[in-house]
Amino acid sequence: MLQTYEAIYNGQQFHWLNQIPPKPEKEVHVVLVMDVEKTIIKSKPNIHEVLQRTRGAWGKGKTLDEIDAEINAMRSEWEQKWD
């Protein structure tokens, strides 16, 4: 039969929150379930690396400045006011 006991674990010992488990007469199998918050830090991509990887999509032999100019021209078309 499984029993559940809640505790806070600080890396060295348990601090029981409610009922303390009875002292076992023999070894017992214990499963520890931890509620761990994961912090994922997304790094911002380097725009020049991104553009370098997409360079072939914009035609051969273009510089990053030329590609930037094309993107800016497209962006200005998308952002124009439509009547």
PDB file of N, CA and C in Angstrom:
ATOM      1  N   MET A   1       0.846  -1.180   0.000  1.00  0.00           N
ATOM      2  CA  MET A   1       0.000   0.000   0.000  1.00  0.00           C
ATOM      3  C   MET A   1       0.889   1.240   0.000  1.00  0.00           C
ATOM      4  N   LEU A   2       0.526   2.226  -0.793  1.00  0.00           N
ATOM      5  CA  LEU A   2       1.295   3.452  -0.872  1.00  0.00           C
ATOM      6  C   LEU A   2       0.750   4.494   0.102  1.00  0.00           C
ATOM      7  N   GLN A   3       1.648   5.196   0.747  1.00  0.00           N
ATOM      8  CA  GLN A   3       1.299   6.286   1.643  1.00  0.00           C
ATOM      9  C   GLN A   3       1.950   7.551   1.122  1.00  0.00           C
ATOM     10  N   THR A   4       1.327   8.702   1.334  1.00  0.00           N
ATOM     11  CA  THR A   4       1.862   9.979   0.885  1.00  0.00           C
ATOM     12  C   THR A   4       2.157  10.851   2.093  1.00  0.00           C
ATOM     13  N   TYR A   5       3.368  11.414   2.120  1.00  0.00           N
ATOM     14  CA  TYR A   5       3.786  12.321   3.180  1.00  0.00           C
ATOM     15  C   TYR A   5       4.419  13.533   2.518  1.00  0.00           C
ATOM     16  N   GLU A   6       4.005  14.722   2.915  1.00  0.00           N
ATOM     17  CA  GLU A   6       4.537  15.942   2.316  1.00  0.00           C
ATOM     18  C   GLU A   6       5.669  16.504   3.155  1.00  0.00           C
ATOM     19  N   ALA A   7       6.710  16.950   2.465  1.00  0.00           N
ATOM     20  CA  ALA A   7       7.860  17.530   3.153  1.00  0.00           C
ATOM     21  C   ALA A   7       8.520  18.551   2.242  1.00  0.00           C
ATOM     22  N   ILE A   8       9.309  19.412   2.840  1.00  0.00           N
ATOM     23  CA  ILE A   8      10.166  20.332   2.093  1.00  0.00           C
ATOM     24  C   ILE A   8      11.577  19.783   2.231  1.00  0.00           C
ATOM     25  N   TYR A   9      12.231  19.629   1.113  1.00  0.00           N
ATOM     26  CA  TYR A   9      13.591  19.076   1.081  1.00  0.00           C
ATOM     27  C   TYR A   9      14.552  20.190   0.734  1.00  0.00           C
ATOM     28  N   ASN A  10      15.542  20.445   1.562  1.00  0.00           N
ATOM     29  CA  ASN A  10      16.482  21.543   1.325  1.00  0.00           C
ATOM     30  C   ASN A  10      17.824  21.063   0.776  1.00  0.00           C
ATOM     31  N   GLY A  11      17.874  19.832   0.331  1.00  0.00           N
ATOM     32  CA  GLY A  11      19.114  19.299  -0.224  1.00  0.00           C
ATOM     33  C   GLY A  11      19.861  18.406   0.748  1.00  0.00           C
ATOM     34  N   GLN A  12      19.512  18.486   2.038  1.00  0.00           N
ATOM     35  CA  GLN A  12      20.171  17.658   3.043  1.00  0.00           C
ATOM     36  C   GLN A  12      19.187  16.915   3.935  1.00  0.00           C
ATOM     37  N   GLN A  13      18.046  17.535   4.198  1.00  0.00           N
ATOM     38  CA  GLN A  13      17.081  16.890   5.081  1.00  0.00           C
ATOM     39  C   GLN A  13      15.662  17.291   4.708  1.00  0.00           C
ATOM     40  N   PHE A  14      14.704  16.511   5.235  1.00  0.00           N
ATOM     41  CA  PHE A  14      13.295  16.767   4.992  1.00  0.00           C
ATOM     42  C   PHE A  14      12.692  17.482   6.194  1.00  0.00           C
ATOM     43  N   HIS A  15      11.828  18.465   5.911  1.00  0.00           N
ATOM     44  CA  HIS A  15      11.039  19.122   6.954  1.00  0.00           C
ATOM     45  C   HIS A  15       9.594  18.722   6.661  1.00  0.00           C
ATOM     46  N   TRP A  16       9.031  17.862   7.537  1.00  0.00           N
ATOM     47  CA  TRP A  16       7.708  17.313   7.302  1.00  0.00           C
ATOM     48  C   TRP A  16       6.654  18.382   7.508  1.00  0.00           C
ATOM     49  N   LEU A  17       5.720  18.511   6.589  1.00  0.00           N
ATOM     50  CA  LEU A  17       4.677  19.533   6.651  1.00  0.00           C
ATOM     51  C   LEU A  17       3.468  19.075   7.463  1.00  0.00           C
ATOM     52  N   ASN A  18       3.107  17.846   7.369  1.00  0.00           N
ATOM     53  CA  ASN A  18       1.929  17.327   8.065  1.00  0.00           C
ATOM     54  C   ASN A  18       2.347  16.126   8.905  1.00  0.00           C
ATOM     55  N   GLN A  19       1.765  15.021   8.597  1.00  0.00           N
ATOM     56  CA  GLN A  19       2.033  13.781   9.326  1.00  0.00           C
ATOM     57  C   GLN A  19       3.452  13.278   9.038  1.00  0.00           C
ATOM     58  N   ILE A  20       4.157  12.894  10.105  1.00  0.00           N
ATOM     59  CA  ILE A  20       5.501  12.336   9.956  1.00  0.00           C
ATOM     60  C   ILE A  20       5.354  10.842   9.700  1.00  0.00           C
ATOM     61  N   PRO A  21       6.071  10.326   8.703  1.00  0.00           N
ATOM     62  CA  PRO A  21       5.927   8.888   8.418  1.00  0.00           C
ATOM     63  C   PRO A  21       6.461   8.056   9.585  1.00  0.00           C
ATOM     64  N   PRO A  22       5.863   6.886   9.803  1.00  0.00           N
ATOM     65  CA  PRO A  22       6.347   6.028  10.893  1.00  0.00           C
ATOM     66  C   PRO A  22       7.742   5.505  10.578  1.00  0.00           C
ATOM     67  N   LYS A  23       8.514   5.242  11.612  1.00  0.00           N
ATOM     68  CA  LYS A  23       9.856   4.693  11.436  1.00  0.00           C
ATOM     69  C   LYS A  23       9.715   3.254  10.947  1.00  0.00           C
ATOM     70  N   PRO A  24      10.310   2.965   9.797  1.00  0.00           N
ATOM     71  CA  PRO A  24      10.126   1.621   9.235  1.00  0.00           C
ATOM     72  C   PRO A  24      10.929   0.576  10.017  1.00  0.00           C
ATOM     73  N   GLU A  25      10.386  -0.634  10.038  1.00  0.00           N
ATOM     74  CA  GLU A  25      11.085  -1.748  10.680  1.00  0.00           C
ATOM     75  C   GLU A  25      12.137  -2.338   9.743  1.00  0.00           C
ATOM     76  N   LYS A  26      11.970  -2.126   8.467  1.00  0.00           N
ATOM     77  CA  LYS A  26      12.931  -2.599   7.466  1.00  0.00           C
ATOM     78  C   LYS A  26      13.064  -1.536   6.401  1.00  0.00           C
ATOM     79  N   GLU A  27      13.916  -1.778   5.436  1.00  0.00           N
ATOM     80  CA  GLU A  27      14.081  -0.824   4.346  1.00  0.00           C
ATOM     81  C   GLU A  27      12.774  -0.677   3.574  1.00  0.00           C
ATOM     82  N   VAL A  28      12.506   0.558   3.165  1.00  0.00           N
ATOM     83  CA  VAL A  28      11.315   0.807   2.361  1.00  0.00           C
ATOM     84  C   VAL A  28      11.728   1.487   1.063  1.00  0.00           C
ATOM     85  N   HIS A  29      10.956   1.233   0.061  1.00  0.00           N
ATOM     86  CA  HIS A  29      11.191   1.853  -1.242  1.00  0.00           C
ATOM     87  C   HIS A  29      10.522   3.221  -1.225  1.00  0.00           C
ATOM     88  N   VAL A  30      11.271   4.273  -1.554  1.00  0.00           N
ATOM     89  CA  VAL A  30      10.761   5.640  -1.513  1.00  0.00           C
ATOM     90  C   VAL A  30      10.864   6.248  -2.909  1.00  0.00           C
ATOM     91  N   VAL A  31       9.804   6.931  -3.330  1.00  0.00           N
ATOM     92  CA  VAL A  31       9.803   7.666  -4.590  1.00  0.00           C
ATOM     93  C   VAL A  31       9.650   9.136  -4.238  1.00  0.00           C
ATOM     94  N   LEU A  32      10.564   9.935  -4.718  1.00  0.00           N
ATOM     95  CA  LEU A  32      10.545  11.360  -4.446  1.00  0.00           C
ATOM     96  C   LEU A  32      10.004  12.087  -5.676  1.00  0.00           C
ATOM     97  N   VAL A  33       8.910  12.822  -5.501  1.00  0.00           N
ATOM     98  CA  VAL A  33       8.326  13.605  -6.578  1.00  0.00           C
ATOM     99  C   VAL A  33       8.577  15.062  -6.235  1.00  0.00           C
ATOM    100  N   MET A  34       9.324  15.752  -7.096  1.00  0.00           N
ATOM    101  CA  MET A  34       9.696  17.137  -6.818  1.00  0.00           C
ATOM    102  C   MET A  34       8.926  18.083  -7.725  1.00  0.00           C
ATOM    103  N   ASP A  35       8.454  19.167  -7.149  1.00  0.00           N
ATOM    104  CA  ASP A  35       7.794  20.230  -7.903  1.00  0.00           C
ATOM    105  C   ASP A  35       8.855  21.289  -8.162  1.00  0.00           C
ATOM    106  N   VAL A  36       9.445  21.243  -9.336  1.00  0.00           N
ATOM    107  CA  VAL A  36      10.552  22.132  -9.675  1.00  0.00           C
ATOM    108  C   VAL A  36      10.117  23.055 -10.792  1.00  0.00           C
ATOM    109  N   GLU A  37      10.253  24.358 -10.569  1.00  0.00           N
ATOM    110  CA  GLU A  37       9.948  25.316 -11.619  1.00  0.00           C
ATOM    111  C   GLU A  37      11.169  25.458 -12.509  1.00  0.00           C
ATOM    112  N   LYS A  38      10.949  25.310 -13.783  1.00  0.00           N
ATOM    113  CA  LYS A  38      12.044  25.456 -14.733  1.00  0.00           C
ATOM    114  C   LYS A  38      12.004  26.850 -15.315  1.00  0.00           C
ATOM    115  N   THR A  39      13.124  27.502 -15.301  1.00  0.00           N
ATOM    116  CA  THR A  39      13.246  28.811 -15.911  1.00  0.00           C
ATOM    117  C   THR A  39      14.023  28.645 -17.203  1.00  0.00           C
ATOM    118  N   ILE A  40      13.333  28.941 -18.287  1.00  0.00           N
ATOM    119  CA  ILE A  40      13.974  28.828 -19.591  1.00  0.00           C
ATOM    120  C   ILE A  40      14.240  30.244 -20.089  1.00  0.00           C
ATOM    121  N   ILE A  41      15.489  30.533 -20.298  1.00  0.00           N
ATOM    122  CA  ILE A  41      15.874  31.840 -20.789  1.00  0.00           C
ATOM    123  C   ILE A  41      16.142  31.714 -22.282  1.00  0.00           C
ATOM    124  N   LYS A  42      15.307  32.362 -23.024  1.00  0.00           N
ATOM    125  CA  LYS A  42      15.499  32.332 -24.476  1.00  0.00           C
ATOM    126  C   LYS A  42      16.462  33.446 -24.859  1.00  0.00           C
ATOM    127  N   SER A  43      17.501  33.046 -25.538  1.00  0.00           N
ATOM    128  CA  SER A  43      18.447  34.055 -25.984  1.00  0.00           C
ATOM    129  C   SER A  43      17.937  34.674 -27.280  1.00  0.00           C
ATOM    130  N   LYS A  44      18.194  35.941 -27.438  1.00  0.00           N
ATOM    131  CA  LYS A  44      17.774  36.628 -28.646  1.00  0.00           C
ATOM    132  C   LYS A  44      18.736  36.264 -29.773  1.00  0.00           C
ATOM    133  N   PRO A  45      18.195  35.909 -30.926  1.00  0.00           N
ATOM    134  CA  PRO A  45      19.083  35.538 -32.026  1.00  0.00           C
ATOM    135  C   PRO A  45      19.830  36.754 -32.563  1.00  0.00           C
ATOM    136  N   ASN A  46      21.036  36.516 -32.986  1.00  0.00           N
ATOM    137  CA  ASN A  46      21.834  37.553 -33.617  1.00  0.00           C
ATOM    138  C   ASN A  46      21.290  37.746 -35.029  1.00  0.00           C
ATOM    139  N   ILE A  47      20.783  38.932 -35.323  1.00  0.00           N
ATOM    140  CA  ILE A  47      20.128  39.186 -36.603  1.00  0.00           C
ATOM    141  C   ILE A  47      21.055  38.946 -37.786  1.00  0.00           C
ATOM    142  N   HIS A  48      22.325  39.239 -37.630  1.00  0.00           N
ATOM    143  CA  HIS A  48      23.254  39.016 -38.739  1.00  0.00           C
ATOM    144  C   HIS A  48      23.460  37.527 -39.002  1.00  0.00           C
ATOM    145  N   GLU A  49      23.452  36.706 -37.948  1.00  0.00           N
ATOM    146  CA  GLU A  49      23.553  35.259 -38.151  1.00  0.00           C
ATOM    147  C   GLU A  49      22.302  34.720 -38.834  1.00  0.00           C
ATOM    148  N   VAL A  50      21.136  35.226 -38.414  1.00  0.00           N
ATOM    149  CA  VAL A  50      19.885  34.794 -39.028  1.00  0.00           C
ATOM    150  C   VAL A  50      19.869  35.164 -40.501  1.00  0.00           C
ATOM    151  N   LEU A  51      20.240  36.390 -40.803  1.00  0.00           N
ATOM    152  CA  LEU A  51      20.278  36.813 -42.208  1.00  0.00           C
ATOM    153  C   LEU A  51      21.313  36.030 -43.006  1.00  0.00           C
ATOM    154  N   GLN A  52      22.440  35.725 -42.387  1.00  0.00           N
ATOM    155  CA  GLN A  52      23.487  34.962 -43.075  1.00  0.00           C
ATOM    156  C   GLN A  52      22.952  33.583 -43.467  1.00  0.00           C
ATOM    157  N   ARG A  53      22.154  32.948 -42.568  1.00  0.00           N
ATOM    158  CA  ARG A  53      21.591  31.634 -42.864  1.00  0.00           C
ATOM    159  C   ARG A  53      20.527  31.696 -43.955  1.00  0.00           C
ATOM    160  N   THR A  54      19.867  32.830 -44.106  1.00  0.00           N
ATOM    161  CA  THR A  54      18.826  32.960 -45.122  1.00  0.00           C
ATOM    162  C   THR A  54      19.334  33.626 -46.392  1.00  0.00           C
ATOM    163  N   ARG A  55      20.597  33.832 -46.475  1.00  0.00           N
ATOM    164  CA  ARG A  55      21.184  34.587 -47.589  1.00  0.00           C
ATOM    165  C   ARG A  55      20.803  34.022 -48.952  1.00  0.00           C
ATOM    166  N   GLY A  56      20.804  32.721 -49.109  1.00  0.00           N
ATOM    167  CA  GLY A  56      20.488  32.110 -50.398  1.00  0.00           C
ATOM    168  C   GLY A  56      19.054  32.341 -50.833  1.00  0.00           C
ATOM    169  N   ALA A  57      18.159  32.577 -49.860  1.00  0.00           N
ATOM    170  CA  ALA A  57      16.757  32.784 -50.199  1.00  0.00           C
ATOM    171  C   ALA A  57      16.532  34.128 -50.876  1.00  0.00           C
ATOM    172  N   TRP A  58      17.435  35.049 -50.730  1.00  0.00           N
ATOM    173  CA  TRP A  58      17.270  36.394 -51.278  1.00  0.00           C
ATOM    174  C   TRP A  58      18.037  36.579 -52.589  1.00  0.00           C
ATOM    175  N   GLY A  59      18.652  35.540 -53.093  1.00  0.00           N
ATOM    176  CA  GLY A  59      19.416  35.655 -54.326  1.00  0.00           C
ATOM    177  C   GLY A  59      20.897  35.529 -54.030  1.00  0.00           C
ATOM    178  N   LYS A  60      21.652  35.257 -55.052  1.00  0.00           N
ATOM    179  CA  LYS A  60      23.086  35.023 -54.857  1.00  0.00           C
ATOM    180  C   LYS A  60      23.871  36.323 -54.901  1.00  0.00           C
ATOM    181  N   GLY A  61      24.901  36.375 -54.078  1.00  0.00           N
ATOM    182  CA  GLY A  61      25.845  37.472 -54.143  1.00  0.00           C
ATOM    183  C   GLY A  61      25.404  38.769 -53.486  1.00  0.00           C
ATOM    184  N   LYS A  62      24.336  38.766 -52.711  1.00  0.00           N
ATOM    185  CA  LYS A  62      23.890  39.999 -52.057  1.00  0.00           C
ATOM    186  C   LYS A  62      24.566  40.148 -50.704  1.00  0.00           C
ATOM    187  N   THR A  63      24.841  41.375 -50.357  1.00  0.00           N
ATOM    188  CA  THR A  63      25.431  41.650 -49.045  1.00  0.00           C
ATOM    189  C   THR A  63      24.316  41.753 -48.007  1.00  0.00           C
ATOM    190  N   LEU A  64      24.705  41.728 -46.736  1.00  0.00           N
ATOM    191  CA  LEU A  64      23.733  41.879 -45.661  1.00  0.00           C
ATOM    192  C   LEU A  64      23.029  43.231 -45.739  1.00  0.00           C
ATOM    193  N   ASP A  65      23.748  44.263 -46.146  1.00  0.00           N
ATOM    194  CA  ASP A  65      23.146  45.592 -46.281  1.00  0.00           C
ATOM    195  C   ASP A  65      22.065  45.600 -47.373  1.00  0.00           C
ATOM    196  N   GLU A  66      22.328  44.915 -48.481  1.00  0.00           N
ATOM    197  CA  GLU A  66      21.338  44.843 -49.554  1.00  0.00           C
ATOM    198  C   GLU A  66      20.092  44.085 -49.105  1.00  0.00           C
ATOM    199  N   ILE A  67      20.308  42.999 -48.376  1.00  0.00           N
ATOM    200  CA  ILE A  67      19.184  42.217 -47.859  1.00  0.00           C
ATOM    201  C   ILE A  67      18.385  43.046 -46.855  1.00  0.00           C
ATOM    202  N   ASP A  68      19.089  43.762 -45.964  1.00  0.00           N
ATOM    203  CA  ASP A  68      18.420  44.646 -45.000  1.00  0.00           C
ATOM    204  C   ASP A  68      17.556  45.683 -45.728  1.00  0.00           C
ATOM    205  N   ALA A  69      18.082  46.253 -46.792  1.00  0.00           N
ATOM    206  CA  ALA A  69      17.336  47.260 -47.548  1.00  0.00           C
ATOM    207  C   ALA A  69      16.070  46.652 -48.154  1.00  0.00           C
ATOM    208  N   GLU A  70      16.172  45.424 -48.687  1.00  0.00           N
ATOM    209  CA  GLU A  70      15.004  44.752 -49.262  1.00  0.00           C
ATOM    210  C   GLU A  70      13.957  44.474 -48.187  1.00  0.00           C
ATOM    211  N   ILE A  71      14.402  44.014 -47.037  1.00  0.00           N
ATOM    212  CA  ILE A  71      13.479  43.727 -45.941  1.00  0.00           C
ATOM    213  C   ILE A  71      12.790  45.004 -45.492  1.00  0.00           C
ATOM    214  N   ASN A  72      13.543  46.090 -45.359  1.00  0.00           N
ATOM    215  CA  ASN A  72      12.955  47.370 -44.958  1.00  0.00           C
ATOM    216  C   ASN A  72      11.935  47.861 -45.984  1.00  0.00           C
ATOM    217  N   ALA A  73      12.216  47.671 -47.256  1.00  0.00           N
ATOM    218  CA  ALA A  73      11.273  48.079 -48.296  1.00  0.00           C
ATOM    219  C   ALA A  73       9.992  47.253 -48.194  1.00  0.00           C
ATOM    220  N   MET A  74      10.127  45.952 -47.984  1.00  0.00           N
ATOM    221  CA  MET A  74       8.945  45.096 -47.828  1.00  0.00           C
ATOM    222  C   MET A  74       8.150  45.494 -46.593  1.00  0.00           C
ATOM    223  N   ARG A  75       8.858  45.756 -45.502  1.00  0.00           N
ATOM    224  CA  ARG A  75       8.198  46.140 -44.258  1.00  0.00           C
ATOM    225  C   ARG A  75       7.409  47.428 -44.441  1.00  0.00           C
ATOM    226  N   SER A  76       7.972  48.395 -45.158  1.00  0.00           N
ATOM    227  CA  SER A  76       7.265  49.666 -45.371  1.00  0.00           C
ATOM    228  C   SER A  76       6.010  49.446 -46.212  1.00  0.00           C
ATOM    229  N   GLU A  77       6.041  48.480 -47.138  1.00  0.00           N
ATOM    230  CA  GLU A  77       4.849  48.160 -47.918  1.00  0.00           C
ATOM    231  C   GLU A  77       3.781  47.534 -47.033  1.00  0.00           C
ATOM    232  N   TRP A  78       4.194  46.647 -46.109  1.00  0.00           N
ATOM    233  CA  TRP A  78       3.238  45.982 -45.220  1.00  0.00           C
ATOM    234  C   TRP A  78       2.612  46.978 -44.251  1.00  0.00           C
ATOM    235  N   GLU A  79       3.385  47.973 -43.821  1.00  0.00           N
ATOM    236  CA  GLU A  79       2.924  48.892 -42.790  1.00  0.00           C
ATOM    237  C   GLU A  79       2.229  50.130 -43.347  1.00  0.00           C
ATOM    238  N   GLN A  80       2.132  50.221 -44.666  1.00  0.00           N
ATOM    239  CA  GLN A  80       1.492  51.408 -45.240  1.00  0.00           C
ATOM    240  C   GLN A  80       0.004  51.409 -44.908  1.00  0.00           C
ATOM    241  N   LYS A  81      -0.589  52.588 -44.848  1.00  0.00           N
ATOM    242  CA  LYS A  81      -2.007  52.717 -44.548  1.00  0.00           C
ATOM    243  C   LYS A  81      -2.818  52.392 -45.800  1.00  0.00           C
ATOM    244  N   TRP A  82      -3.789  51.546 -45.633  1.00  0.00           N
ATOM    245  CA  TRP A  82      -4.648  51.160 -46.736  1.00  0.00           C
ATOM    246  C   TRP A  82      -5.968  51.898 -46.593  1.00  0.00           C
ATOM    247  N   ASP A  83      -6.370  52.554 -47.652  1.00  0.00           N
ATOM    248  CA  ASP A  83      -7.637  53.308 -47.622  1.00  0.00           C
ATOM    249  C   ASP A  83      -8.801  52.498 -48.085  1.00  0.00           C
TER     250      ASP A  83
END
